[in-house]
N, C-alpha and C. Protein backbone atom coordinates (compact mmCIF):
# COMPACT_ATOMS: atom_id res chain seq x y z
N MET A 1 0.17 -1.14 0.11
CA MET A 1 0.18 -0.10 0.09
C MET A 1 1.59 1.39 0.43
N TYR A 2 0.83 2.20 -0.68
CA TYR A 2 1.44 3.61 -1.05
C TYR A 2 0.94 4.03 0.62
N ARG A 3 1.87 5.33 -0.22
CA ARG A 3 2.26 5.72 1.81
C ARG A 3 2.11 7.13 1.55
N ILE A 4 1.75 8.61 1.32
CA ILE A 4 2.07 9.75 1.23
C ILE A 4 2.44 10.45 2.72
N ALA A 5 3.77 10.84 2.44
CA ALA A 5 4.02 11.94 3.88
C ALA A 5 4.86 13.39 3.62
N PRO A 6 3.87 14.32 3.91
CA PRO A 6 4.20 15.32 3.62
C PRO A 6 5.23 15.98 4.84
N SER A 7 6.45 16.50 4.06
CA SER A 7 6.97 16.95 4.86
C SER A 7 7.38 18.36 5.44
N ILE A 8 6.79 18.08 6.86
CA ILE A 8 6.48 19.18 7.50
C ILE A 8 7.50 20.94 7.27
N LEU A 9 8.72 20.73 6.79
CA LEU A 9 9.80 21.11 6.97
C LEU A 9 9.70 23.13 5.97
N SER A 10 8.19 22.34 5.25
CA SER A 10 7.64 23.12 4.20
C SER A 10 6.57 24.05 4.92
N ALA A 11 5.99 22.86 6.03
CA ALA A 11 4.93 23.82 5.83
C ALA A 11 5.48 25.31 7.04
N ASP A 12 3.90 26.10 7.66
CA ASP A 12 4.01 27.38 8.11
C ASP A 12 4.60 27.20 10.05
N PHE A 13 5.64 27.51 10.67
CA PHE A 13 6.08 27.71 11.90
C PHE A 13 5.26 27.07 12.96
N ALA A 14 4.69 28.51 12.00
CA ALA A 14 3.69 29.56 13.18
C ALA A 14 3.14 28.72 13.41
N SER A 15 2.32 27.94 12.94
CA SER A 15 1.91 26.71 13.46
C SER A 15 1.12 26.03 13.25
N LEU A 16 2.49 24.95 13.84
CA LEU A 16 3.33 24.06 13.41
C LEU A 16 2.21 23.00 13.12
N GLY A 17 1.22 22.92 14.64
CA GLY A 17 0.49 21.27 15.18
C GLY A 17 -0.35 21.62 14.27
N GLY A 18 -0.52 22.57 14.05
CA GLY A 18 -2.69 22.68 13.34
C GLY A 18 -2.15 22.68 12.01
N GLU A 19 -0.89 22.66 11.42
CA GLU A 19 -0.50 22.24 10.11
C GLU A 19 -0.13 20.76 9.97
N VAL A 20 0.24 20.27 11.23
CA VAL A 20 0.25 18.70 11.27
C VAL A 20 -1.45 17.79 11.01
N GLN A 21 -1.66 18.52 12.32
CA GLN A 21 -3.06 18.24 11.59
C GLN A 21 -4.40 18.31 10.42
N ASN A 22 -4.40 19.39 10.05
CA ASN A 22 -4.63 20.03 8.84
C ASN A 22 -3.87 18.67 7.53
N VAL A 23 -2.63 19.30 7.32
CA VAL A 23 -2.34 17.63 6.49
C VAL A 23 -2.99 16.82 7.07
N ILE A 24 -2.96 15.90 8.49
CA ILE A 24 -3.76 14.62 8.05
C ILE A 24 -4.73 13.98 7.90
N ASP A 25 -5.55 15.61 8.14
CA ASP A 25 -7.13 15.76 8.20
C ASP A 25 -7.63 15.47 6.25
N ALA A 26 -6.70 16.20 5.80
CA ALA A 26 -6.14 15.96 4.38
C ALA A 26 -5.87 14.60 3.63
N GLY A 27 -5.57 13.54 4.21
CA GLY A 27 -5.64 12.46 3.63
C GLY A 27 -4.12 12.13 4.60
N ALA A 28 -3.13 12.69 4.53
CA ALA A 28 -1.52 12.35 5.21
C ALA A 28 -1.96 10.79 5.70
N ASP A 29 -0.71 10.70 5.51
CA ASP A 29 0.00 8.09 5.77
C ASP A 29 0.27 8.79 6.86
N TRP A 30 1.53 9.63 6.40
CA TRP A 30 2.52 10.23 7.23
C TRP A 30 3.07 11.23 7.87
N ILE A 31 4.12 11.74 9.09
CA ILE A 31 4.35 13.60 9.16
C ILE A 31 6.11 13.26 8.31
N HIS A 32 6.35 13.57 7.62
CA HIS A 32 7.77 13.20 7.23
C HIS A 32 8.45 14.83 8.42
N PHE A 33 9.35 14.39 9.19
CA PHE A 33 10.14 14.98 9.94
C PHE A 33 11.74 15.63 9.81
N ASP A 34 12.21 16.29 9.42
CA ASP A 34 13.13 16.94 8.77
C ASP A 34 14.38 17.47 10.23
N VAL A 35 15.39 17.05 10.24
CA VAL A 35 15.98 17.57 11.58
C VAL A 35 17.88 17.91 10.78
N MET A 36 17.98 18.21 10.12
CA MET A 36 19.24 19.40 9.68
C MET A 36 20.08 20.11 11.20
N ASP A 37 21.53 19.65 11.16
CA ASP A 37 21.96 20.32 11.90
C ASP A 37 23.30 20.95 11.64
N ASN A 38 22.69 21.82 9.96
CA ASN A 38 24.30 23.43 9.84
C ASN A 38 25.30 22.29 10.33
N HIS A 39 25.25 20.94 10.44
CA HIS A 39 27.42 19.91 9.97
C HIS A 39 27.11 19.64 8.91
N TYR A 40 25.65 18.57 9.16
CA TYR A 40 25.96 17.40 7.65
C TYR A 40 24.90 17.85 6.57
N VAL A 41 24.19 18.54 7.02
CA VAL A 41 23.81 19.35 5.85
C VAL A 41 24.36 21.14 6.48
N PRO A 42 24.26 21.88 5.20
CA PRO A 42 23.69 23.27 5.44
C PRO A 42 22.84 24.29 5.96
N ASN A 43 21.93 23.92 6.77
CA ASN A 43 20.59 24.32 7.77
C ASN A 43 20.57 23.77 8.41
N LEU A 44 20.18 24.53 9.91
CA LEU A 44 19.01 24.24 10.75
C LEU A 44 18.24 23.92 11.11
N THR A 45 17.03 23.18 11.64
CA THR A 45 15.80 22.78 11.42
C THR A 45 15.75 22.75 13.38
N ILE A 46 14.85 21.78 12.96
CA ILE A 46 13.28 21.27 13.99
C ILE A 46 14.82 19.59 15.61
N GLY A 47 13.75 20.27 16.81
CA GLY A 47 14.41 19.66 17.52
C GLY A 47 13.68 18.00 18.04
N PRO A 48 14.40 17.03 19.54
CA PRO A 48 13.26 16.36 20.00
C PRO A 48 12.19 16.97 20.87
N ALA A 49 12.26 18.31 20.84
CA ALA A 49 10.73 19.33 21.48
C ALA A 49 9.89 19.62 21.18
N VAL A 50 10.59 19.31 19.29
CA VAL A 50 8.94 20.27 18.91
C VAL A 50 8.71 18.37 18.46
N ALA A 51 9.55 18.16 17.75
CA ALA A 51 9.27 16.19 17.67
C ALA A 51 8.22 15.65 18.91
N ALA A 52 7.91 16.75 19.93
CA ALA A 52 7.09 15.93 21.42
C ALA A 52 6.53 17.08 20.77
N ALA A 53 5.85 18.51 20.76
CA ALA A 53 5.16 18.89 21.04
C ALA A 53 4.06 17.92 19.93
N ILE A 54 4.38 17.81 18.59
CA ILE A 54 2.99 17.76 17.18
C ILE A 54 2.68 16.29 17.38
N LYS A 55 3.86 15.44 18.72
CA LYS A 55 3.17 14.32 18.62
C LYS A 55 1.94 13.97 18.67
N PRO A 56 1.01 14.95 19.67
CA PRO A 56 0.10 14.43 20.18
C PRO A 56 -1.28 15.28 18.76
N HIS A 57 -0.53 16.23 17.83
CA HIS A 57 -1.53 16.54 16.53
C HIS A 57 -1.42 15.15 15.90
N CYS A 58 -0.71 13.84 15.77
CA CYS A 58 -0.55 13.24 15.08
C CYS A 58 -1.12 11.72 15.36
N VAL A 59 -2.87 12.03 14.94
CA VAL A 59 -3.27 11.10 15.28
C VAL A 59 -4.66 11.56 13.99
N THR A 60 -5.91 11.34 13.17
CA THR A 60 -6.51 11.18 12.58
C THR A 60 -7.56 11.60 13.60
N SER A 61 -9.16 12.39 13.03
CA SER A 61 -10.27 12.03 13.47
C SER A 61 -10.97 11.28 14.31
N GLU A 62 -10.59 9.87 13.85
CA GLU A 62 -10.82 8.42 14.16
C GLU A 62 -10.44 8.46 14.94
N GLY A 63 -9.31 9.36 15.78
CA GLY A 63 -8.59 8.64 17.50
C GLY A 63 -6.59 7.38 16.63
N GLN A 64 -6.92 7.24 15.01
CA GLN A 64 -5.64 6.81 14.99
C GLN A 64 -4.38 7.01 14.46
N ALA A 65 -3.17 7.04 15.83
CA ALA A 65 -2.70 7.74 15.74
C ALA A 65 -1.04 7.11 13.87
N VAL A 66 -0.99 8.32 13.89
CA VAL A 66 0.04 8.51 12.64
C VAL A 66 1.45 8.80 12.98
N PRO A 67 2.56 7.89 11.40
CA PRO A 67 3.32 7.26 12.78
C PRO A 67 4.07 8.52 11.80
N LEU A 68 5.32 8.90 12.98
CA LEU A 68 6.12 10.68 13.00
C LEU A 68 7.59 9.76 11.88
N ASP A 69 7.78 9.85 11.33
CA ASP A 69 8.67 9.60 10.45
C ASP A 69 9.83 10.64 10.71
N VAL A 70 11.33 10.81 11.23
CA VAL A 70 12.07 10.81 11.64
C VAL A 70 13.54 10.88 11.11
N HIS A 71 13.50 11.84 9.84
CA HIS A 71 15.07 12.10 9.21
C HIS A 71 16.08 12.85 9.92
N LEU A 72 16.59 12.47 9.76
CA LEU A 72 18.37 12.27 10.82
C LEU A 72 19.43 12.82 9.28
N MET A 73 19.24 14.35 9.27
CA MET A 73 20.75 14.48 8.08
C MET A 73 21.17 15.67 9.70
N VAL A 74 21.67 15.23 10.31
CA VAL A 74 23.69 15.64 11.02
C VAL A 74 23.89 14.71 11.57
N GLN A 75 25.78 14.97 13.07
CA GLN A 75 26.22 14.00 13.10
C GLN A 75 27.10 14.39 13.66
N PRO A 76 27.12 12.82 14.52
CA PRO A 76 26.26 12.12 15.13
C PRO A 76 25.12 12.25 15.45
N VAL A 77 24.84 10.84 14.98
CA VAL A 77 24.06 10.35 15.58
C VAL A 77 22.89 9.89 16.48
N ASP A 78 23.74 8.78 17.27
CA ASP A 78 23.53 7.78 18.44
C ASP A 78 22.33 8.93 19.01
N ALA A 79 22.98 9.60 20.66
CA ALA A 79 22.78 10.38 21.20
C ALA A 79 20.82 11.04 20.14
N LEU A 80 21.07 12.50 19.35
CA LEU A 80 20.30 12.42 18.36
C LEU A 80 18.64 11.31 18.57
N ALA A 81 19.64 10.30 17.74
CA ALA A 81 18.33 8.52 17.50
C ALA A 81 17.29 8.92 19.16
N ILE A 82 18.46 8.49 19.63
CA ILE A 82 17.82 8.83 20.80
C ILE A 82 16.52 9.09 21.61
N ALA A 83 17.23 10.59 21.71
CA ALA A 83 16.26 11.56 21.76
C ALA A 83 15.11 11.65 20.64
N PHE A 84 14.91 11.98 20.01
CA PHE A 84 13.77 11.71 19.12
C PHE A 84 13.02 9.93 19.49
N ALA A 85 13.46 9.60 19.80
CA ALA A 85 13.02 8.06 19.78
C ALA A 85 12.12 8.34 21.38
N GLN A 86 12.97 9.52 22.34
CA GLN A 86 12.34 9.24 24.12
C GLN A 86 11.16 10.23 23.37
N SER A 87 11.03 11.44 22.17
CA SER A 87 10.48 12.02 22.43
C SER A 87 8.89 12.11 21.30
N GLY A 88 8.91 10.83 20.78
CA GLY A 88 7.62 10.45 19.66
C GLY A 88 7.84 9.79 18.46
N ALA A 89 9.21 9.31 17.60
CA ALA A 89 9.24 9.27 16.55
C ALA A 89 8.97 7.26 17.37
N ASP A 90 7.95 7.31 15.49
CA ASP A 90 7.84 6.14 15.61
C ASP A 90 8.98 5.27 13.92
N LEU A 91 9.60 5.76 13.17
CA LEU A 91 10.82 5.80 12.17
C LEU A 91 11.64 7.21 12.06
N ILE A 92 12.64 6.06 11.99
CA ILE A 92 14.12 7.08 12.40
C ILE A 92 15.00 6.53 11.67
N THR A 93 15.40 7.64 10.96
CA THR A 93 16.66 7.21 9.05
C THR A 93 17.92 7.83 9.18
N PHE A 94 18.39 7.24 9.01
CA PHE A 94 19.92 8.74 9.18
C PHE A 94 20.95 7.65 8.41
N HIS A 95 21.84 8.69 7.31
CA HIS A 95 23.38 8.17 7.05
C HIS A 95 23.42 7.74 6.77
N PRO A 96 25.02 6.78 6.35
CA PRO A 96 25.14 5.57 6.48
C PRO A 96 26.42 6.71 6.97
N ASP A 97 26.85 7.43 5.89
CA ASP A 97 28.07 7.79 6.09
C ASP A 97 28.24 9.08 7.41
N ALA A 98 26.98 8.83 7.73
CA ALA A 98 27.18 10.61 8.64
C ALA A 98 27.31 9.46 10.32
N GLU A 99 27.52 8.44 10.52
CA GLU A 99 27.81 7.20 11.81
C GLU A 99 29.05 6.13 11.74
N THR A 100 29.57 6.50 12.60
CA THR A 100 30.61 5.43 11.99
C THR A 100 30.53 4.40 12.46
N HIS A 101 29.77 3.22 12.78
CA HIS A 101 28.87 2.25 13.78
C HIS A 101 27.77 1.81 13.08
N VAL A 102 27.16 1.99 11.73
CA VAL A 102 25.71 1.76 10.54
C VAL A 102 25.11 0.96 11.62
N ASP A 103 26.13 -0.61 11.58
CA ASP A 103 25.11 -1.80 12.39
C ASP A 103 25.28 -0.86 13.44
N ARG A 104 25.60 -0.45 14.74
CA ARG A 104 25.71 -0.77 16.04
C ARG A 104 23.60 0.40 15.59
N THR A 105 24.08 1.70 14.59
CA THR A 105 23.28 2.96 15.93
C THR A 105 22.20 2.00 14.83
N LEU A 106 21.79 1.42 13.78
CA LEU A 106 20.64 0.53 13.51
C LEU A 106 20.01 -0.14 14.33
N GLN A 107 20.75 -1.28 15.40
CA GLN A 107 20.28 -2.22 16.63
C GLN A 107 19.65 -0.82 17.52
N LEU A 108 20.98 0.10 17.56
CA LEU A 108 20.21 1.21 18.81
C LEU A 108 18.76 2.55 18.51
N ILE A 109 18.50 1.75 17.78
CA ILE A 109 16.81 2.13 17.26
C ILE A 109 15.83 2.17 17.19
N ARG A 110 16.62 0.44 16.47
CA ARG A 110 14.90 -0.77 17.17
C ARG A 110 15.03 -0.95 18.61
N ASP A 111 15.94 -1.22 19.68
CA ASP A 111 15.85 -0.90 20.57
C ASP A 111 15.51 0.19 21.72
N ALA A 112 15.81 1.53 21.27
CA ALA A 112 14.38 2.20 21.22
C ALA A 112 13.31 1.68 21.26
N GLY A 113 12.86 1.00 19.97
CA GLY A 113 11.25 1.33 19.81
C GLY A 113 10.78 1.86 18.46
N CYS A 114 12.01 2.21 17.95
CA CYS A 114 11.09 2.89 16.44
C CYS A 114 11.30 1.85 15.68
N GLN A 115 10.87 1.66 14.14
CA GLN A 115 11.49 1.40 12.61
C GLN A 115 13.14 2.21 12.60
N ALA A 116 13.30 1.19 11.73
CA ALA A 116 14.95 2.75 12.25
C ALA A 116 15.08 1.90 9.86
N GLY A 117 16.40 2.67 9.77
CA GLY A 117 16.59 3.16 8.78
C GLY A 117 17.78 4.15 7.30
N LEU A 118 18.20 3.23 6.66
CA LEU A 118 19.23 4.31 6.08
C LEU A 118 18.85 5.34 4.78
N VAL A 119 19.41 6.09 5.02
CA VAL A 119 19.38 7.20 3.69
C VAL A 119 20.31 7.40 2.97
N PHE A 120 19.97 7.26 0.97
CA PHE A 120 21.28 7.88 0.16
C PHE A 120 20.90 8.64 -0.63
N ASN A 121 21.80 9.29 -0.25
CA ASN A 121 22.26 10.79 -1.10
C ASN A 121 21.66 10.49 -2.60
N PRO A 122 21.96 11.20 -3.29
CA PRO A 122 21.59 10.88 -4.66
C PRO A 122 22.68 9.85 -5.42
N ALA A 123 24.23 10.58 -5.09
CA ALA A 123 25.24 10.35 -5.25
C ALA A 123 25.82 9.16 -4.37
N THR A 124 25.07 8.40 -3.15
CA THR A 124 25.90 7.44 -2.40
C THR A 124 25.06 6.30 -3.22
N PRO A 125 26.22 4.88 -2.77
CA PRO A 125 25.61 4.09 -3.50
C PRO A 125 24.61 3.10 -2.07
N LEU A 126 24.74 2.61 -2.89
CA LEU A 126 23.45 1.03 -1.83
C LEU A 126 24.07 0.11 -1.24
N ASP A 127 25.58 0.27 -0.94
CA ASP A 127 26.96 -1.29 -1.74
C ASP A 127 26.32 -1.50 0.31
N ILE A 128 26.34 -0.86 1.16
CA ILE A 128 26.31 -0.69 1.93
C ILE A 128 25.41 -1.83 2.97
N LEU A 129 23.85 -1.52 1.79
CA LEU A 129 23.25 -2.27 2.84
C LEU A 129 23.05 -3.35 2.29
N GLU A 130 24.00 -4.32 2.24
CA GLU A 130 23.60 -6.27 2.01
C GLU A 130 24.67 -6.51 2.99
N TRP A 131 25.15 -5.85 4.01
CA TRP A 131 25.54 -5.60 4.96
C TRP A 131 25.02 -5.40 6.36
N VAL A 132 23.60 -4.68 5.94
CA VAL A 132 23.03 -4.18 7.32
C VAL A 132 21.32 -5.36 7.29
N VAL A 133 21.18 -5.15 5.60
CA VAL A 133 19.65 -5.14 5.53
C VAL A 133 18.53 -6.12 6.45
N ASP A 134 19.38 -7.09 6.94
CA ASP A 134 18.71 -7.84 8.25
C ASP A 134 17.69 -7.04 9.20
N LYS A 135 18.60 -5.95 9.37
CA LYS A 135 17.83 -5.10 10.51
C LYS A 135 17.51 -3.40 9.88
N ILE A 136 17.01 -3.50 9.03
CA ILE A 136 16.69 -2.62 8.28
C ILE A 136 14.88 -2.63 7.52
N ASP A 137 13.66 -1.44 8.07
CA ASP A 137 12.45 -1.53 7.84
C ASP A 137 12.73 -0.50 6.53
N ILE A 138 13.33 0.32 6.47
CA ILE A 138 12.80 1.48 5.47
C ILE A 138 14.10 1.68 4.91
N ILE A 139 13.93 2.13 3.86
CA ILE A 139 15.06 2.34 3.30
C ILE A 139 14.73 3.82 2.33
N LEU A 140 14.51 5.34 2.39
CA LEU A 140 14.90 6.29 1.78
C LEU A 140 15.82 7.02 0.90
N LEU A 141 15.27 7.30 -0.07
CA LEU A 141 16.70 7.39 -1.00
C LEU A 141 15.90 9.11 -1.18
N MET A 142 17.11 10.32 -1.12
CA MET A 142 16.50 11.61 -2.10
C MET A 142 17.37 11.19 -2.93
N SER A 143 16.50 12.30 -3.39
CA SER A 143 15.98 13.06 -5.04
C SER A 143 15.96 14.62 -5.52
N VAL A 144 16.89 15.04 -3.84
CA VAL A 144 17.52 16.18 -3.96
C VAL A 144 18.52 15.78 -3.46
N ASN A 145 19.19 16.77 -2.87
CA ASN A 145 20.84 16.77 -2.31
C ASN A 145 20.10 17.48 -0.93
N PRO A 146 19.95 16.96 0.51
CA PRO A 146 19.46 17.58 1.05
C PRO A 146 20.30 18.39 1.43
N GLY A 147 19.38 19.20 2.36
CA GLY A 147 19.49 20.75 3.37
C GLY A 147 18.87 21.55 2.58
N PHE A 148 17.62 21.53 2.16
CA PHE A 148 17.11 22.01 1.71
C PHE A 148 15.65 22.38 1.27
N GLY A 149 14.62 22.50 1.33
CA GLY A 149 12.78 22.28 0.55
C GLY A 149 13.52 22.88 -0.86
N GLY A 150 12.07 22.65 -1.74
CA GLY A 150 11.46 23.60 -3.03
C GLY A 150 13.36 22.18 -4.00
N GLN A 151 13.44 21.84 -4.09
CA GLN A 151 14.90 20.99 -5.38
C GLN A 151 13.78 20.87 -6.02
N SER A 152 13.77 20.46 -7.18
CA SER A 152 14.23 19.23 -7.94
C SER A 152 14.29 18.27 -8.93
N PHE A 153 13.53 16.92 -8.74
CA PHE A 153 14.25 16.19 -8.82
C PHE A 153 15.60 15.01 -9.49
N ILE A 154 15.74 14.49 -9.39
CA ILE A 154 17.25 14.45 -10.04
C ILE A 154 16.65 12.77 -10.81
N GLU A 155 16.26 13.13 -12.27
CA GLU A 155 16.56 11.94 -12.89
C GLU A 155 17.04 10.78 -12.93
N SER A 156 18.46 10.84 -12.19
CA SER A 156 19.18 9.66 -11.98
C SER A 156 18.60 9.04 -10.68
N THR A 157 17.24 9.31 -9.97
CA THR A 157 17.23 8.79 -9.10
C THR A 157 16.35 7.46 -9.92
N TYR A 158 15.85 7.62 -10.73
CA TYR A 158 15.03 6.49 -11.25
C TYR A 158 15.94 4.94 -11.13
N ARG A 159 16.71 5.05 -11.84
CA ARG A 159 17.50 3.58 -11.68
C ARG A 159 17.60 3.30 -10.64
N LYS A 160 18.42 4.22 -9.35
CA LYS A 160 18.61 4.34 -7.96
C LYS A 160 17.00 3.23 -7.60
N ILE A 161 15.55 3.50 -8.23
CA ILE A 161 14.91 3.36 -6.85
C ILE A 161 14.65 1.82 -7.30
N GLU A 162 15.17 1.14 -8.86
CA GLU A 162 13.98 0.41 -10.01
C GLU A 162 15.27 -0.83 -8.97
N ALA A 163 17.01 0.24 -8.77
CA ALA A 163 17.77 -1.21 -7.99
C ALA A 163 17.37 -1.86 -6.32
N ALA A 164 16.78 -0.05 -5.84
CA ALA A 164 16.30 -1.19 -3.66
C ALA A 164 15.03 -1.73 -4.54
N ARG A 165 14.85 -1.87 -5.47
CA ARG A 165 14.03 -2.44 -5.27
C ARG A 165 14.30 -3.66 -5.48
N LYS A 166 15.01 -3.93 -6.82
CA LYS A 166 15.53 -5.43 -6.55
C LYS A 166 15.96 -6.55 -5.46
N LEU A 167 16.51 -5.07 -4.55
CA LEU A 167 17.50 -5.23 -4.35
C LEU A 167 16.47 -5.55 -2.52
N ILE A 168 15.64 -5.25 -2.24
CA ILE A 168 14.50 -4.90 -1.44
C ILE A 168 14.09 -6.63 -1.51
N ASP A 169 13.06 -7.25 -2.63
CA ASP A 169 12.81 -8.14 -3.12
C ASP A 169 13.42 -9.73 -3.03
N ALA A 170 14.59 -9.09 -2.93
CA ALA A 170 15.76 -10.45 -3.60
C ALA A 170 15.48 -10.75 -1.89
N THR A 171 15.35 -10.20 -1.22
CA THR A 171 15.23 -10.35 1.11
C THR A 171 13.91 -11.00 1.29
N GLY A 172 13.43 -10.53 0.14
CA GLY A 172 11.83 -11.45 0.74
C GLY A 172 11.05 -10.38 1.90
N ARG A 173 11.68 -9.24 2.34
CA ARG A 173 11.15 -8.54 3.79
C ARG A 173 11.10 -7.97 3.47
N ASP A 174 9.35 -7.47 4.44
CA ASP A 174 8.96 -6.66 4.55
C ASP A 174 9.44 -5.22 4.65
N ILE A 175 10.28 -3.96 3.46
CA ILE A 175 10.36 -3.10 4.10
C ILE A 175 10.33 -2.11 2.78
N ARG A 176 10.12 -1.27 3.27
CA ARG A 176 9.16 0.53 3.09
C ARG A 176 10.35 0.72 1.61
N LEU A 177 10.31 1.51 0.11
CA LEU A 177 10.91 2.03 -0.34
C LEU A 177 10.32 3.08 -0.59
N GLU A 178 11.11 4.08 0.33
CA GLU A 178 10.53 6.11 0.32
C GLU A 178 11.52 7.04 -0.43
N VAL A 179 11.17 7.71 -1.14
CA VAL A 179 11.48 8.61 -1.77
C VAL A 179 11.75 10.48 -1.34
N ASP A 180 12.23 11.17 -1.35
CA ASP A 180 12.17 12.77 -0.27
C ASP A 180 12.71 13.76 -1.42
N GLY A 181 12.44 14.73 -2.64
CA GLY A 181 12.64 14.77 -2.72
C GLY A 181 11.77 15.67 -4.77
N GLY A 182 11.36 16.58 -4.54
CA GLY A 182 10.98 17.18 -6.10
C GLY A 182 9.31 16.39 -6.34
N ILE A 183 8.61 16.23 -5.01
CA ILE A 183 8.07 14.94 -5.51
C ILE A 183 7.15 15.58 -5.95
N LYS A 184 6.09 15.61 -6.80
CA LYS A 184 4.92 16.50 -7.37
C LYS A 184 3.56 15.49 -8.48
N VAL A 185 2.81 15.87 -7.81
CA VAL A 185 1.68 15.43 -8.82
C VAL A 185 2.07 14.58 -10.11
N ASP A 186 2.33 15.32 -10.73
CA ASP A 186 2.68 14.43 -12.01
C ASP A 186 3.93 14.11 -12.02
N ASN A 187 5.16 13.70 -11.09
CA ASN A 187 5.84 12.61 -11.83
C ASN A 187 5.76 11.55 -10.33
N ILE A 188 5.02 11.17 -8.84
CA ILE A 188 4.99 10.63 -8.69
C ILE A 188 4.64 9.21 -9.04
N ALA A 189 3.76 9.34 -10.23
CA ALA A 189 3.30 6.88 -10.63
C ALA A 189 4.77 6.78 -11.04
N ARG A 190 5.30 8.14 -11.88
CA ARG A 190 6.68 7.11 -12.68
C ARG A 190 7.80 6.99 -11.27
N VAL A 191 8.16 7.59 -9.86
CA VAL A 191 8.46 7.24 -8.83
C VAL A 191 8.05 5.89 -8.41
N ALA A 192 6.13 5.91 -8.31
CA ALA A 192 6.11 4.76 -7.98
C ALA A 192 6.37 3.08 -8.72
N SER A 193 5.94 3.72 -10.35
CA SER A 193 6.04 2.45 -11.15
C SER A 193 7.66 2.20 -10.16
N ALA A 194 8.95 3.45 -10.51
CA ALA A 194 10.20 2.27 -10.28
C ALA A 194 10.24 0.79 -9.41
N GLY A 195 9.47 1.29 -8.16
CA GLY A 195 9.66 0.80 -7.10
C GLY A 195 8.90 1.29 -6.02
N ALA A 196 9.06 2.76 -5.68
CA ALA A 196 8.84 2.78 -3.82
C ALA A 196 7.16 3.19 -4.11
N ASP A 197 7.42 3.13 -3.20
CA ASP A 197 5.93 2.64 -1.70
C ASP A 197 5.42 3.99 -1.28
N THR A 198 6.42 4.84 -1.00
CA THR A 198 5.58 5.99 0.34
C THR A 198 6.33 7.31 -0.26
N PHE A 199 6.45 8.45 -0.33
CA PHE A 199 6.60 8.96 -0.90
C PHE A 199 6.74 10.77 0.07
N VAL A 200 7.44 11.82 0.04
CA VAL A 200 8.21 12.29 0.47
C VAL A 200 8.01 13.07 -0.26
N ALA A 201 6.69 14.56 -0.02
CA ALA A 201 6.64 15.69 -0.27
C ALA A 201 6.16 16.81 0.40
N GLY A 202 7.16 18.11 0.24
CA GLY A 202 6.30 19.02 0.65
C GLY A 202 5.96 20.16 0.50
N SER A 203 6.91 20.97 -0.56
CA SER A 203 6.79 22.17 -0.91
C SER A 203 5.80 22.27 -2.13
N ALA A 204 5.87 20.31 -2.74
CA ALA A 204 4.58 20.09 -3.51
C ALA A 204 2.99 20.22 -2.90
N ILE A 205 2.86 19.35 -1.08
CA ILE A 205 1.33 20.49 -0.53
C ILE A 205 1.43 21.27 0.07
N PHE A 206 2.26 21.99 1.27
CA PHE A 206 2.59 23.21 1.95
C PHE A 206 1.90 24.17 1.14
N ASP A 207 2.82 23.92 -0.25
CA ASP A 207 2.83 25.31 -1.06
C ASP A 207 1.39 25.87 -1.29
N GLN A 208 0.75 24.29 -1.58
CA GLN A 208 -0.72 24.41 -2.20
C GLN A 208 -1.88 24.93 -1.37
N PRO A 209 -2.57 25.83 -1.91
CA PRO A 209 -4.14 26.03 -1.29
C PRO A 209 -5.19 25.36 -0.27
N ASP A 210 -4.67 24.43 -0.76
CA ASP A 210 -5.92 23.00 -1.01
C ASP A 210 -5.23 21.94 -0.19
N TYR A 211 -5.07 21.33 0.58
CA TYR A 211 -4.10 20.52 1.05
C TYR A 211 -4.85 18.89 0.85
N HIS A 212 -6.15 19.07 1.11
CA HIS A 212 -6.84 17.57 0.08
C HIS A 212 -6.52 17.21 -1.15
N ASP A 213 -6.73 18.94 -1.60
CA ASP A 213 -7.18 19.02 -2.90
C ASP A 213 -5.84 17.84 -3.92
N VAL A 214 -4.21 18.46 -3.50
CA VAL A 214 -3.09 17.69 -3.37
C VAL A 214 -3.40 15.78 -3.27
N ILE A 215 -3.35 16.26 -2.33
CA ILE A 215 -3.50 15.03 -1.45
C ILE A 215 -3.94 13.50 -2.57
N LYS A 216 -5.34 13.97 -3.07
CA LYS A 216 -5.78 13.71 -4.27
C LYS A 216 -5.75 12.99 -4.93
N ALA A 217 -5.09 13.86 -5.37
CA ALA A 217 -4.31 14.55 -6.65
C ALA A 217 -3.52 13.39 -7.50
N MET A 218 -2.52 13.28 -5.72
CA MET A 218 -1.27 12.11 -6.30
C MET A 218 -2.31 10.65 -5.92
N ARG A 219 -3.26 10.22 -5.51
CA ARG A 219 -3.59 9.16 -4.86
C ARG A 219 -4.23 8.24 -6.23
N THR A 220 -4.32 9.35 -6.89
CA THR A 220 -5.56 9.88 -8.90
C THR A 220 -3.75 8.40 -8.70
N GLU A 221 -3.68 9.51 -9.19
CA GLU A 221 -1.59 9.08 -9.91
C GLU A 221 -2.60 7.67 -10.01
N LEU A 222 -1.64 7.20 -8.58
CA LEU A 222 -0.83 6.40 -7.78
C LEU A 222 -2.11 4.86 -8.50
N SER A 223 -3.22 5.61 -8.73
CA SER A 223 -4.35 4.26 -8.17
C SER A 223 -4.51 3.04 -9.75
N ASP A 224 -3.58 4.45 -10.95
CA ASP A 224 -2.91 3.23 -11.98
C ASP A 224 -2.02 2.87 -11.74
N CYS A 225 -0.98 3.12 -10.83
CA CYS A 225 0.37 2.31 -10.66
C CYS A 225 0.34 0.26 -10.98
């Protein structure tokens, strides 16, 4: 089943709780939470206290919990991973080149009660997955260079999605394949056809006046995949 995960990096920070609730009411499946440290990437965003503040808003009008999907663009990883687990994260992903002991960090996240995953920048190979795929719940492929929202989709990502999908299928494990960067109504179907099942969209949703209309249009495109 496909998942749409709006990135609150593009939301109105002055009313973040309301933005989270509005986009969930509009049909979001997950809330994507981008963490940048002005070290691993050239930007500084939000921390565990903000995750804890919005966690109560991550629920549908029927009372169903909506997963908080935390993407760590930080270095080092371990301490912040634990802090976000304690602040309500459901899924935590990090970049393997940002942490010396990747296997240990994945296990640390899972021991803290969260699903764990790795994030791959546009030019980062998938080779490390051969050694840690047994500890992976999600693979996140960046289709832009991380650090800022509103960038255009990098075309070579399609081949990478196909390669990651083959790897996942070969394992027989239930691993989600998420893509982040430049996802829009007019390309989401092609991204899905390449093998992705989870889609992060920031400005494509939050820059529009009606979140429901955008998410509905995305689902319409996905229905033909």
